[in-house]
Amino acid sequence: MSLSFDPEALRVLAELINKTGLSEIELVEGDRRLRLAREITQVHTVAAAPAMAATPISVSLPVSADTPKADPARHPGVVKSPMVGVAYLAAEPGAAPYVTIGQSVDAGATLLLIEAMKTFNQIKAPKSGIVTQILVQPGAPVEFDEPLLIIE
């Protein structure tokens, strides 16, 4: 079964998708249905790092004696990954990172991004405090529940 659509209307819809940044639009009119979609590809340039740079960044600030040091996943201030994806510490390559070690953050502040399924998800601070450790490298893959950083 062949359905015909007004070519001018299709052009207008395609322009609308491009102008608004939408990835798809669907119209339903009676028993006719039209879905226009575009593939969005995001290119990220990540510089190759030396092999030893694959270890987590961990600079210790003065901490109290009751702070667990051995396993960051057990630290009371650990922020864990809520998903599998790729971690980015800045909004784009070359930009300043969202947070740095020693920086004070407020609850709800963006700490980093995790790209999953071509979507960038902001990871927010669950509480106010000071960032004492950043446990991931920019562009590194992360697993669900993996420690990302520590806020004290």
Protein backbone atom coordinates (compact mmCIF):
# COMPACT_ATOMS: atom_id res chain seq x y z
CA MET A 1 0.00 0.00 0.00
CA SER A 2 1.44 3.35 -1.02
CA LEU A 3 0.61 6.55 0.81
CA SER A 4 1.44 9.89 -0.75
CA PHE A 5 2.48 12.95 1.23
CA ASP A 6 2.90 16.53 0.12
CA PRO A 7 6.59 17.00 -0.80
CA GLU A 8 6.49 20.59 0.48
CA ALA A 9 5.16 19.41 3.85
CA LEU A 10 7.96 16.83 4.05
CA ARG A 11 10.54 19.53 3.31
CA VAL A 12 9.10 21.77 6.03
CA LEU A 13 9.19 18.91 8.54
CA ALA A 14 12.79 18.09 7.62
CA GLU A 15 13.77 21.74 8.13
CA LEU A 16 11.94 21.74 11.47
CA ILE A 17 13.94 18.70 12.61
CA ASN A 18 17.22 20.37 11.64
CA LYS A 19 16.38 23.76 13.18
CA THR A 20 15.19 22.38 16.51
CA GLY A 21 17.78 19.64 16.88
CA LEU A 22 15.10 16.97 17.21
CA SER A 23 16.14 13.48 16.24
CA GLU A 24 12.71 12.44 14.96
CA ILE A 25 9.16 13.60 14.44
CA GLU A 26 6.04 11.50 13.91
CA LEU A 27 2.69 12.60 12.52
CA VAL A 28 -0.51 10.58 12.62
CA GLU A 29 -3.54 11.60 10.59
CA GLY A 30 -6.35 9.08 10.61
CA ASP A 31 -4.90 5.81 9.35
CA ARG A 32 -1.85 7.55 7.85
CA ARG A 33 1.36 7.69 9.81
CA LEU A 34 4.60 9.46 8.91
CA ARG A 35 7.82 9.28 10.87
CA LEU A 36 10.90 11.28 9.90
CA ALA A 37 14.14 10.60 11.73
CA ARG A 38 17.73 11.60 11.41
CA GLU A 39 20.77 9.90 12.77
CA ILE A 40 22.75 12.04 15.16
CA THR A 41 26.41 11.26 15.37
CA GLN A 42 28.61 12.90 17.95
CA VAL A 43 32.33 12.87 17.44
CA HIS A 44 34.56 13.06 20.46
CA THR A 45 38.26 13.60 20.18
CA VAL A 46 40.14 12.04 23.02
CA ALA A 47 43.90 12.26 22.97
CA ALA A 48 45.74 9.01 23.48
CA ALA A 49 47.31 8.91 26.90
CA PRO A 50 50.41 7.05 28.01
CA ALA A 51 49.75 3.64 29.55
CA MET A 52 50.46 4.81 33.08
CA ALA A 53 47.76 7.50 32.81
CA ALA A 54 45.11 4.75 32.96
CA THR A 55 45.38 4.69 36.74
CA PRO A 56 42.82 6.82 38.59
CA ILE A 57 43.73 10.36 39.61
CA SER A 58 43.98 10.28 43.36
CA VAL A 59 45.36 13.20 45.28
CA SER A 60 44.70 13.02 48.97
CA LEU A 61 43.76 16.06 50.96
CA PRO A 62 44.10 16.00 54.72
CA VAL A 63 41.42 13.63 56.00
CA SER A 64 40.39 12.50 59.43
CA ALA A 65 41.69 9.24 60.92
CA ASP A 66 38.27 7.58 60.64
CA THR A 67 38.15 7.89 56.83
CA PRO A 68 38.47 4.52 55.06
CA LYS A 69 41.40 4.69 52.63
CA ALA A 70 41.71 1.19 51.22
CA ASP A 71 38.53 0.88 49.16
CA PRO A 72 37.05 4.04 47.62
CA ALA A 73 33.79 2.17 46.91
CA ARG A 74 33.22 1.90 50.67
CA HIS A 75 33.93 5.55 51.40
CA PRO A 76 30.84 7.35 52.76
CA GLY A 77 31.32 10.22 50.30
CA VAL A 78 31.77 8.14 47.16
CA VAL A 79 29.76 9.10 44.07
CA LYS A 80 29.13 5.97 41.98
CA SER A 81 28.19 5.66 38.35
CA PRO A 82 24.45 5.17 37.85
CA MET A 83 25.03 3.62 34.41
CA VAL A 84 27.46 2.05 31.99
CA GLY A 85 29.04 4.55 29.62
CA VAL A 86 32.00 6.83 28.99
CA ALA A 87 32.98 9.45 31.57
CA TYR A 88 33.82 13.02 30.60
CA LEU A 89 35.12 15.48 33.17
CA ALA A 90 34.45 18.55 30.98
CA ALA A 91 31.68 19.69 28.67
CA GLU A 92 33.93 19.37 25.61
CA PRO A 93 37.57 18.59 24.79
CA GLY A 94 39.84 21.40 25.95
CA ALA A 95 37.21 22.95 28.24
CA ALA A 96 37.74 23.39 31.97
CA PRO A 97 36.62 20.38 34.03
CA TYR A 98 33.37 20.58 35.96
CA VAL A 99 35.22 19.95 39.23
CA THR A 100 38.80 19.70 40.45
CA ILE A 101 40.37 18.15 43.51
CA GLY A 102 40.01 20.46 46.48
CA GLN A 103 37.03 22.28 44.98
CA SER A 104 33.95 22.91 47.10
CA VAL A 105 30.71 21.77 45.46
CA ASP A 106 27.06 22.30 46.31
CA ALA A 107 24.47 19.53 46.28
CA GLY A 108 23.05 19.25 42.75
CA ALA A 109 26.13 20.69 41.01
CA THR A 110 27.26 18.88 37.85
CA LEU A 111 30.35 16.78 38.60
CA LEU A 112 30.89 15.09 35.23
CA LEU A 113 29.08 13.62 32.23
CA ILE A 114 28.51 10.01 31.30
CA GLU A 115 27.72 9.30 27.67
CA ALA A 116 25.43 6.34 27.25
CA MET A 117 23.62 5.46 24.01
CA LYS A 118 24.65 8.78 22.40
CA THR A 119 23.15 10.75 25.28
CA PHE A 120 25.17 12.84 27.72
CA ASN A 121 23.92 12.40 31.27
CA GLN A 122 24.91 14.89 33.96
CA ILE A 123 26.11 13.29 37.17
CA LYS A 124 25.17 15.63 40.00
CA ALA A 125 26.62 16.00 43.49
CA PRO A 126 24.42 14.14 45.99
CA LYS A 127 25.62 16.43 48.79
CA SER A 128 27.68 19.55 49.41
CA GLY A 129 31.34 19.13 50.28
CA ILE A 130 34.87 19.14 48.95
CA VAL A 131 36.06 16.92 46.10
CA THR A 132 38.96 14.95 47.58
CA GLN A 133 39.50 12.36 44.85
CA ILE A 134 38.65 11.95 41.18
CA LEU A 135 38.80 8.26 40.38
CA VAL A 136 38.16 8.25 36.60
CA GLN A 137 40.07 9.50 33.59
CA PRO A 138 38.43 11.67 30.90
CA GLY A 139 37.10 9.43 28.11
CA ALA A 140 37.37 6.29 30.22
CA PRO A 141 34.63 3.66 30.11
CA VAL A 142 32.78 3.23 33.41
CA GLU A 143 30.59 0.44 34.73
CA PHE A 144 27.40 0.62 36.75
CA ASP A 145 28.14 1.32 40.44
CA GLU A 146 31.82 2.13 39.72
CA PRO A 147 33.28 4.80 42.06
CA LEU A 148 33.71 8.07 40.13
CA LEU A 149 34.86 10.53 42.78
CA ILE A 150 34.74 11.26 46.48
CA ILE A 151 33.12 14.25 48.17
CA GLU A 152 33.84 14.88 51.84
